[in-house]
Amino acid sequence: MNKTIITCAVTGNITKPEQHPGLPITPRQIADACLDAANAGAAVVHIHVRDPDTGKPSMKLAHYAEVMETIRSRNRELVINLTTGPGGRFIPSAHDPQVAAPGSTLMAPEKRVEHIGLLRPDIATLDLNTMNSGGDVVINTPANVRRMAQAIRAAGVKPEIEIFDSGDMHLAHDLIRDGTLEGPGLFSFVLGVKYGFDASPQTMAYARSLLPQGAIWTGFGLGRQEFPMVAQSWLLGGHVRVGFEDNLYMAAGVLAKDNAELVTRARLIVESLGGAIATPGEARAMLGLRQV
């Protein structure tokens, strides 16, 4: 097998500060978490940003810029993957389902990818899911996905296509067929979101079977399924992802010290199965990214 790329998603936008005292919040903390994860074996870091004062999710350009500048000043090879997920959540008001309730984040697709065009990371995620998510709804219509994909492509950034259920894969095939996305594509299977793909070996194998031939993919599980899905993804020929966005624990009731500890465990799992971990430079070559 080729070498395995470890992605570390260091903070996300749903994990709450009260769930872990070491959750990275400020741009400096997020950048430090990314760099520590790289030292532990991550070749790619997936980045959300937060309001430094409240810890709540943010989309402020200055926060993204500070994180990227801090990482680049200390590690130029590390592959940076910025989210475009925020801005797709809808909560209908109880009195009128056409009116958004507090907590809704829906915004124009171009605003969701504005930071990608300005900062030009190596990779930007592209969510294809429209689904129930907990008690809310995430909305990514085909038309809006196309607008986001076009903006990401115009910026010269590689999209990572986020797949939450099988219907997302069928949409991905349509987007490749009509030229919106370049095939065979870079994919990520998100397993364990309530009302989406189940985190199981059978589900991951099924998701893999739907991929375009030659696609590169990562499979990962949420919560207690994080480490089992590391092994499962490797066994099926995929890459792996861990991080505080997806899971905070090393074992039941045992919080991970930091993101780097999760990466270290993922690395040990892959190596114990006979695999080898890709460096950032090797990951760039595998993903067709520019070398630095």
Protein backbone atom coordinates (compact mmCIF):
# COMPACT_ATOMS: atom_id res chain seq x y z
CA MET A 1 0.00 0.00 0.00
CA ASN A 2 0.99 3.62 -0.45
CA LYS A 3 1.77 5.68 2.60
CA THR A 4 -1.13 6.87 4.72
CA ILE A 5 -2.00 10.52 5.20
CA ILE A 6 -3.14 11.52 8.68
CA THR A 7 -5.40 14.58 8.83
CA CYS A 8 -5.95 16.29 12.17
CA ALA A 9 -9.12 18.37 12.64
CA VAL A 10 -8.07 20.36 15.66
CA THR A 11 -11.18 22.19 16.87
CA GLY A 12 -14.25 22.09 14.59
CA ASN A 13 -17.29 24.26 15.24
CA ILE A 14 -19.53 21.99 17.32
CA THR A 15 -17.19 20.84 20.10
CA LYS A 16 -17.73 23.16 23.08
CA PRO A 17 -14.99 24.68 25.25
CA GLU A 18 -16.63 23.28 28.38
CA GLN A 19 -16.18 19.76 27.01
CA HIS A 20 -12.38 19.97 27.13
CA PRO A 21 -10.15 22.47 28.97
CA GLY A 22 -7.55 22.23 26.20
CA LEU A 23 -9.80 22.87 23.20
CA PRO A 24 -7.93 25.31 20.92
CA ILE A 25 -9.82 28.60 20.76
CA THR A 26 -7.57 31.53 19.84
CA PRO A 27 -5.79 31.68 16.47
CA ARG A 28 -2.47 31.08 18.24
CA GLN A 29 -3.84 28.05 20.11
CA ILE A 30 -5.29 26.62 16.91
CA ALA A 31 -2.01 27.14 15.04
CA ASP A 32 -0.02 25.59 17.89
CA ALA A 33 -2.36 22.60 17.94
CA CYS A 34 -1.82 22.15 14.19
CA LEU A 35 1.95 22.32 14.56
CA ASP A 36 1.95 19.86 17.47
CA ALA A 37 -0.22 17.50 15.43
CA ALA A 38 2.28 17.75 12.57
CA ASN A 39 5.13 16.87 14.92
CA ALA A 40 3.14 13.78 15.97
CA GLY A 41 2.66 12.63 12.38
CA ALA A 42 -0.18 14.60 10.76
CA ALA A 43 0.49 15.68 7.18
CA VAL A 44 -2.76 17.67 6.83
CA VAL A 45 -4.51 19.94 9.32
CA HIS A 46 -8.20 20.78 8.96
CA ILE A 47 -9.02 24.19 10.37
CA HIS A 48 -12.07 25.98 11.73
CA VAL A 49 -11.65 29.23 13.66
CA ARG A 50 -13.41 30.61 16.73
CA ASP A 51 -14.08 33.90 18.45
CA PRO A 52 -11.17 34.22 20.90
CA ASP A 53 -13.39 35.87 23.53
CA THR A 54 -16.41 33.56 23.48
CA GLY A 55 -15.05 30.32 22.02
CA LYS A 56 -17.98 30.22 19.61
CA PRO A 57 -17.53 29.37 15.92
CA SER A 58 -16.34 32.25 13.76
CA MET A 59 -15.77 32.91 10.07
CA LYS A 60 -13.68 36.04 10.55
CA LEU A 61 -11.04 36.37 7.88
CA ALA A 62 -8.47 37.80 10.28
CA HIS A 63 -8.61 34.68 12.45
CA TYR A 64 -8.04 32.37 9.46
CA ALA A 65 -5.20 34.59 8.27
CA GLU A 66 -3.48 34.60 11.66
CA VAL A 67 -3.69 30.81 11.95
CA MET A 68 -2.23 30.33 8.48
CA GLU A 69 0.53 32.89 8.95
CA THR A 70 1.58 31.34 12.26
CA ILE A 71 1.70 27.84 10.78
CA ARG A 72 3.58 28.95 7.68
CA SER A 73 6.17 30.84 9.74
CA ARG A 74 7.17 27.58 11.43
CA ASN A 75 6.24 24.81 8.98
CA ARG A 76 5.89 25.58 5.28
CA GLU A 77 5.25 22.01 4.14
CA LEU A 78 2.27 21.17 6.36
CA VAL A 79 -0.84 20.87 4.19
CA ILE A 80 -3.51 23.38 5.25
CA ASN A 81 -7.16 22.46 4.77
CA LEU A 82 -9.70 25.21 5.57
CA THR A 83 -13.37 24.54 6.18
CA THR A 84 -16.21 26.04 4.17
CA GLY A 85 -18.85 24.21 6.21
CA PRO A 86 -20.15 27.09 8.39
CA GLY A 87 -23.06 28.97 6.90
CA GLY A 88 -25.30 26.04 5.96
CA ARG A 89 -27.29 25.39 9.14
CA PHE A 90 -31.02 26.20 9.34
CA ILE A 91 -33.32 26.11 12.36
CA PRO A 92 -36.96 26.88 11.54
CA SER A 93 -38.95 29.05 13.90
CA ALA A 94 -41.70 27.27 15.77
CA HIS A 95 -44.30 29.83 14.67
CA ASP A 96 -43.28 29.90 10.99
CA PRO A 97 -40.97 27.30 9.44
CA GLN A 98 -40.03 29.74 6.67
CA VAL A 99 -38.47 32.07 9.24
CA ALA A 100 -35.07 31.26 10.68
CA ALA A 101 -34.79 30.83 14.45
CA PRO A 102 -31.75 31.93 16.47
CA GLY A 103 -28.80 29.69 15.73
CA SER A 104 -29.43 29.53 11.99
CA THR A 105 -26.32 30.39 9.97
CA LEU A 106 -27.51 30.24 6.35
CA MET A 107 -25.64 32.67 4.12
CA ALA A 108 -24.79 33.18 0.47
CA PRO A 109 -22.44 30.51 -0.90
CA GLU A 110 -19.89 33.13 -1.94
CA LYS A 111 -19.60 34.36 1.66
CA ARG A 112 -18.91 30.82 2.84
CA VAL A 113 -15.88 30.55 0.55
CA GLU A 114 -14.69 34.16 0.65
CA HIS A 115 -11.70 33.29 2.85
CA ILE A 116 -10.63 30.59 0.39
CA GLY A 117 -10.21 33.03 -2.48
CA LEU A 118 -8.34 35.52 -0.30
CA LEU A 119 -6.05 33.15 1.61
CA ARG A 120 -5.66 30.30 -0.92
CA PRO A 121 -5.00 27.31 1.34
CA ASP A 122 -3.91 24.00 -0.13
CA ILE A 123 -7.32 22.35 0.35
CA ALA A 124 -10.86 23.56 1.09
CA THR A 125 -13.66 21.28 2.20
CA LEU A 126 -16.85 21.17 0.14
CA ASP A 127 -19.87 19.73 1.97
CA LEU A 128 -22.40 17.98 -0.26
CA ASN A 129 -24.89 17.12 2.48
CA THR A 130 -28.44 18.32 2.93
CA MET A 131 -29.64 16.44 6.00
CA ASN A 132 -31.03 16.43 9.52
CA SER A 133 -28.14 17.15 11.86
CA GLY A 134 -29.09 16.67 15.49
CA GLY A 135 -32.18 18.85 15.93
CA ASP A 136 -31.29 21.19 13.05
CA VAL A 137 -31.04 20.94 9.28
CA VAL A 138 -27.95 21.45 7.13
CA ILE A 139 -28.74 22.72 3.65
CA ASN A 140 -26.34 22.47 0.72
CA THR A 141 -28.44 22.59 -2.45
CA PRO A 142 -26.86 21.42 -5.72
CA ALA A 143 -27.00 24.98 -7.07
CA ASN A 144 -25.21 26.42 -4.04
CA VAL A 145 -22.64 23.61 -4.02
CA ARG A 146 -21.86 24.45 -7.64
CA ARG A 147 -21.33 28.11 -6.78
CA MET A 148 -18.98 27.20 -3.94
CA ALA A 149 -17.11 24.65 -6.06
CA GLN A 150 -16.59 27.19 -8.82
CA ALA A 151 -15.17 29.73 -6.36
CA ILE A 152 -12.82 27.15 -4.83
CA ARG A 153 -11.65 26.08 -8.28
CA ALA A 154 -11.14 29.70 -9.39
CA ALA A 155 -8.86 30.20 -6.39
CA GLY A 156 -6.67 27.30 -7.50
CA VAL A 157 -7.49 25.36 -4.32
CA LYS A 158 -8.16 21.61 -4.22
CA PRO A 159 -11.65 20.74 -2.95
CA GLU A 160 -12.06 17.92 -0.46
CA ILE A 161 -15.55 16.54 -1.07
CA GLU A 162 -17.28 15.80 2.24
CA ILE A 163 -19.68 12.84 2.09
CA PHE A 164 -22.20 12.30 4.89
CA ASP A 165 -24.55 9.81 3.19
CA SER A 166 -24.92 7.90 -0.06
CA GLY A 167 -26.97 10.59 -1.79
CA ASP A 168 -23.99 12.93 -1.47
CA MET A 169 -21.95 10.49 -3.57
CA HIS A 170 -24.55 10.53 -6.33
CA LEU A 171 -24.43 14.34 -6.34
CA ALA A 172 -20.62 14.18 -6.51
CA HIS A 173 -20.82 12.01 -9.62
CA ASP A 174 -23.17 14.54 -11.25
CA LEU A 175 -20.80 17.39 -10.40
CA ILE A 176 -17.87 15.51 -11.96
CA ARG A 177 -19.91 14.61 -15.05
CA ASP A 178 -20.94 18.21 -15.70
CA GLY A 179 -17.43 19.57 -15.10
CA THR A 180 -18.16 21.44 -11.89
CA LEU A 181 -15.61 19.23 -10.11
CA GLU A 182 -12.51 17.68 -11.58
CA GLY A 183 -12.44 13.90 -11.25
CA PRO A 184 -11.64 11.45 -9.89
CA GLY A 185 -11.57 13.71 -6.81
CA LEU A 186 -10.48 13.88 -3.19
CA PHE A 187 -13.18 12.59 -0.83
CA SER A 188 -13.79 12.36 2.90
CA PHE A 189 -16.36 10.02 4.43
CA VAL A 190 -17.89 11.42 7.63
CA LEU A 191 -19.24 8.48 9.65
CA GLY A 192 -21.25 8.77 12.84
CA VAL A 193 -23.23 12.01 12.45
CA LYS A 194 -26.74 11.28 13.68
CA TYR A 195 -29.04 10.65 10.69
CA GLY A 196 -26.07 10.27 8.34
CA PHE A 197 -23.68 7.43 7.53
CA ASP A 198 -23.36 4.93 10.38
CA ALA A 199 -19.82 4.41 11.69
CA SER A 200 -19.40 0.76 10.79
CA PRO A 201 -17.16 -1.38 8.59
CA GLN A 202 -20.09 -2.21 6.32
CA THR A 203 -20.95 1.44 5.78
CA MET A 204 -17.38 2.44 5.01
CA ALA A 205 -17.02 -0.41 2.52
CA TYR A 206 -20.28 0.63 0.86
CA ALA A 207 -19.18 4.27 0.66
CA ARG A 208 -15.89 3.24 -0.90
CA SER A 209 -17.75 1.20 -3.51
CA LEU A 210 -19.49 4.37 -4.73
CA LEU A 211 -16.27 6.29 -5.42
CA PRO A 212 -15.13 7.23 -8.91
CA GLN A 213 -12.30 4.95 -9.97
CA GLY A 214 -8.97 6.40 -8.91
CA ALA A 215 -10.37 8.73 -6.26
CA ILE A 216 -8.32 9.47 -3.14
CA TRP A 217 -10.28 9.17 0.08
CA THR A 218 -10.24 9.44 3.85
CA GLY A 219 -12.68 7.70 6.17
CA PHE A 220 -13.23 8.70 9.78
CA GLY A 221 -15.61 8.11 12.66
CA LEU A 222 -16.94 10.36 15.39
CA GLY A 223 -16.72 9.84 19.12
CA ARG A 224 -15.92 6.32 20.32
CA GLN A 225 -15.70 5.14 16.72
CA GLU A 226 -12.73 7.37 15.90
CA PHE A 227 -9.99 4.79 16.44
CA PRO A 228 -11.89 1.75 15.08
CA MET A 229 -12.54 3.73 11.89
CA VAL A 230 -8.83 4.61 11.64
CA ALA A 231 -8.11 0.90 11.36
CA GLN A 232 -11.08 0.28 9.07
CA SER A 233 -10.16 3.06 6.67
CA TRP A 234 -6.59 1.81 6.41
CA LEU A 235 -7.73 -1.75 5.80
CA LEU A 236 -9.94 -0.57 2.93
CA GLY A 237 -7.16 1.50 1.35
CA GLY A 238 -8.13 4.93 2.65
CA HIS A 239 -6.37 7.65 4.59
CA VAL A 240 -7.29 8.58 8.17
CA ARG A 241 -8.42 11.53 10.27
CA VAL A 242 -8.57 12.26 14.00
CA GLY A 243 -8.85 15.39 16.13
CA PHE A 244 -10.89 17.31 18.67
CA GLU A 245 -13.49 18.17 16.03
CA ASP A 246 -14.47 14.50 15.98
CA ASN A 247 -13.53 13.03 19.35
CA LEU A 248 -12.04 14.15 22.68
CA TYR A 249 -11.25 10.80 24.30
CA MET A 250 -8.46 8.24 24.30
CA ALA A 251 -10.72 5.71 26.05
CA ALA A 252 -14.03 5.74 27.87
CA GLY A 253 -13.87 8.58 30.40
CA VAL A 254 -10.24 9.41 29.55
CA LEU A 255 -9.80 12.77 27.82
CA ALA A 256 -6.97 13.08 25.33
CA LYS A 257 -4.34 15.53 26.50
CA ASP A 258 -4.35 17.27 23.13
CA ASN A 259 -4.77 16.70 19.40
CA ALA A 260 -1.22 15.43 19.11
CA GLU A 261 -2.04 12.52 21.42
CA LEU A 262 -4.89 11.49 19.10
CA VAL A 263 -2.54 11.68 16.10
CA THR A 264 0.04 9.57 17.93
CA ARG A 265 -2.59 6.88 18.57
CA ALA A 266 -3.69 6.94 14.93
CA ARG A 267 -0.09 6.62 13.80
CA LEU A 268 0.47 3.64 16.09
CA ILE A 269 -2.67 1.93 14.75
CA VAL A 270 -1.59 2.36 11.14
CA GLU A 271 1.98 1.29 11.81
CA SER A 272 0.87 -1.70 13.87
CA LEU A 273 -1.15 -2.89 10.85
CA GLY A 274 1.93 -2.66 8.66
CA GLY A 275 1.36 0.79 7.20
CA ALA A 276 3.62 3.83 6.99
CA ILE A 277 2.76 7.47 7.57
CA ALA A 278 3.16 10.10 4.85
CA THR A 279 5.16 13.23 5.52
CA PRO A 280 3.64 16.57 4.46
CA GLY A 281 5.90 16.59 1.40
CA GLU A 282 4.82 13.08 0.45
CA ALA A 283 1.18 14.01 1.01
CA ARG A 284 1.60 16.97 -1.35
CA ALA A 285 2.90 14.68 -4.06
CA MET A 286 0.10 12.15 -3.48
CA LEU A 287 -2.60 14.83 -3.61
CA GLY A 288 -1.16 16.73 -6.57
CA LEU A 289 -0.49 19.87 -4.52
CA ARG A 290 2.29 22.37 -5.11
CA GLN A 291 5.59 21.55 -3.48
CA VAL A 292 7.26 24.10 -1.19
